[in-house]
Protein backbone atom coordinates (compact mmCIF):
# COMPACT_ATOMS: atom_id res chain seq x y z
CA UNK A 1 -69.16 5.28 70.43
CA UNK A 2 -68.82 7.28 73.61
CA UNK A 3 -67.03 10.61 73.76
CA UNK A 4 -65.94 12.21 77.03
CA UNK A 5 -65.52 15.98 77.24
CA UNK A 6 -63.12 17.48 79.77
CA UNK A 7 -63.56 21.24 80.12
CA UNK A 8 -61.20 23.28 82.27
CA UNK A 9 -58.03 21.35 81.44
CA UNK A 10 -54.49 22.65 81.72
CA UNK A 11 -51.85 22.58 78.95
CA UNK A 12 -48.20 23.28 79.81
CA UNK A 13 -45.45 23.55 77.19
CA UNK A 14 -41.86 23.88 78.35
CA UNK A 15 -39.73 26.63 76.85
CA UNK A 16 -36.94 26.07 74.39
CA UNK A 17 -34.27 27.99 72.55
CA UNK A 18 -36.70 30.31 70.76
CA UNK A 19 -39.89 29.90 72.83
CA UNK A 20 -40.95 30.91 76.31
CA UNK A 21 -42.70 28.35 78.57
CA UNK A 22 -46.46 28.36 78.03
CA UNK A 23 -49.36 27.52 80.35
CA UNK A 24 -53.08 27.53 79.47
CA UNK A 25 -55.66 26.76 82.18
CA UNK A 26 -58.61 27.12 79.80
CA UNK A 27 -58.05 24.10 77.55
CA UNK A 28 -60.63 21.50 76.54
CA UNK A 29 -60.11 17.81 75.74
CA UNK A 30 -62.42 15.30 74.06
CA UNK A 31 -61.49 11.60 74.21
CA UNK A 32 -63.04 8.67 72.35
CA UNK A 33 -61.70 5.14 72.17
CA UNK A 34 -59.82 5.83 68.92
CA UNK A 35 -59.26 9.61 68.98
CA UNK A 36 -58.35 12.62 71.10
CA UNK A 37 -58.93 16.31 70.41
CA UNK A 38 -57.24 19.05 72.44
CA UNK A 39 -57.99 22.78 72.05
CA UNK A 40 -56.32 25.67 73.81
CA UNK A 41 -55.06 29.21 73.20
CA UNK A 42 -51.44 30.27 73.04
CA UNK A 43 -49.91 33.68 72.29
CA UNK A 44 -50.68 33.25 68.57
CA UNK A 45 -54.33 32.16 68.90
CA UNK A 46 -56.25 28.89 69.01
CA UNK A 47 -54.43 25.55 68.79
CA UNK A 48 -56.36 22.39 67.92
CA UNK A 49 -54.47 19.10 68.16
CA UNK A 50 -56.02 15.85 66.90
CA UNK A 51 -54.66 12.40 67.54
CA UNK A 52 -55.02 8.67 67.23
CA UNK A 53 -53.58 5.88 69.35
CA UNK A 54 -49.91 5.37 68.60
CA UNK A 55 -47.07 3.27 69.88
CA UNK A 56 -46.27 2.88 73.57
CA UNK A 57 -49.91 3.19 74.73
CA UNK A 58 -50.03 6.87 73.84
CA UNK A 59 -51.44 9.27 71.28
CA UNK A 60 -49.82 10.61 68.10
CA UNK A 61 -51.17 14.09 67.35
CA UNK A 62 -50.96 16.83 64.74
CA UNK A 63 -52.23 20.40 64.74
CA UNK A 64 -55.05 21.36 62.38
CA UNK A 65 -53.69 24.75 61.30
CA UNK A 66 -50.00 24.66 62.24
CA UNK A 67 -47.13 22.40 61.19
CA UNK A 68 -46.89 20.83 64.64
CA UNK A 69 -46.74 17.18 65.68
CA UNK A 70 -46.80 15.68 69.15
CA UNK A 71 -46.91 12.54 71.24
CA UNK A 72 -48.69 12.09 74.59
CA UNK A 73 -48.97 9.14 76.94
CA UNK A 74 -50.73 8.76 80.30
CA UNK A 75 -48.64 9.48 83.38
CA UNK A 76 -49.01 6.45 85.65
CA UNK A 77 -47.89 8.47 88.68
CA UNK A 78 -50.53 11.18 88.03
CA UNK A 79 -53.94 9.83 86.95
CA UNK A 80 -55.73 12.21 84.60
CA UNK A 81 -52.44 13.60 83.29
CA UNK A 82 -50.56 13.05 80.04
CA UNK A 83 -46.99 13.98 79.10
CA UNK A 84 -44.91 13.79 75.96
CA UNK A 85 -43.08 15.73 73.32
CA UNK A 86 -44.32 18.39 70.94
CA UNK A 87 -42.54 19.58 67.80
CA UNK A 88 -43.27 23.30 67.49
CA UNK A 89 -41.83 24.71 64.27
CA UNK A 90 -38.91 22.26 64.38
CA UNK A 91 -38.18 22.73 68.07
CA UNK A 92 -38.96 19.67 70.20
CA UNK A 93 -39.96 20.29 73.79
CA UNK A 94 -41.97 18.65 76.58
CA UNK A 95 -45.66 19.25 77.12
CA UNK A 96 -48.25 18.10 79.65
CA UNK A 97 -52.03 17.94 79.79
CA UNK A 98 -53.97 17.77 83.04
CA UNK A 99 -57.61 16.81 82.60
CA UNK A 100 -60.35 18.60 84.48
CA UNK A 101 -63.50 16.91 85.68
CA UNK A 102 -65.52 15.38 82.81
CA UNK A 103 -68.89 16.83 81.84
CA UNK A 104 -71.85 14.90 83.16
CA UNK A 105 -73.46 12.80 80.43
């Protein structure tokens, strides 16, 4: 099974009623055929989201250490980018991931 590592990714989370917009340019993403792992830092520390393929050709994710869930799907108009919704402590907002260049195997 082949795993692709994308260092230097960008995570953007839109603001909501109780949260400010968030942007991390130091995220990392690992993708295999049946899983995705996303790690980044927000104002509270490290966030690690794990996911499996879900409906609508996207990924269903959950955080390892926080009660968060999310959905991401590829953006056809922006190759290497994903967009979806993230439920952060009961507040649903939009988030995006932009992949960096993959590591050389």
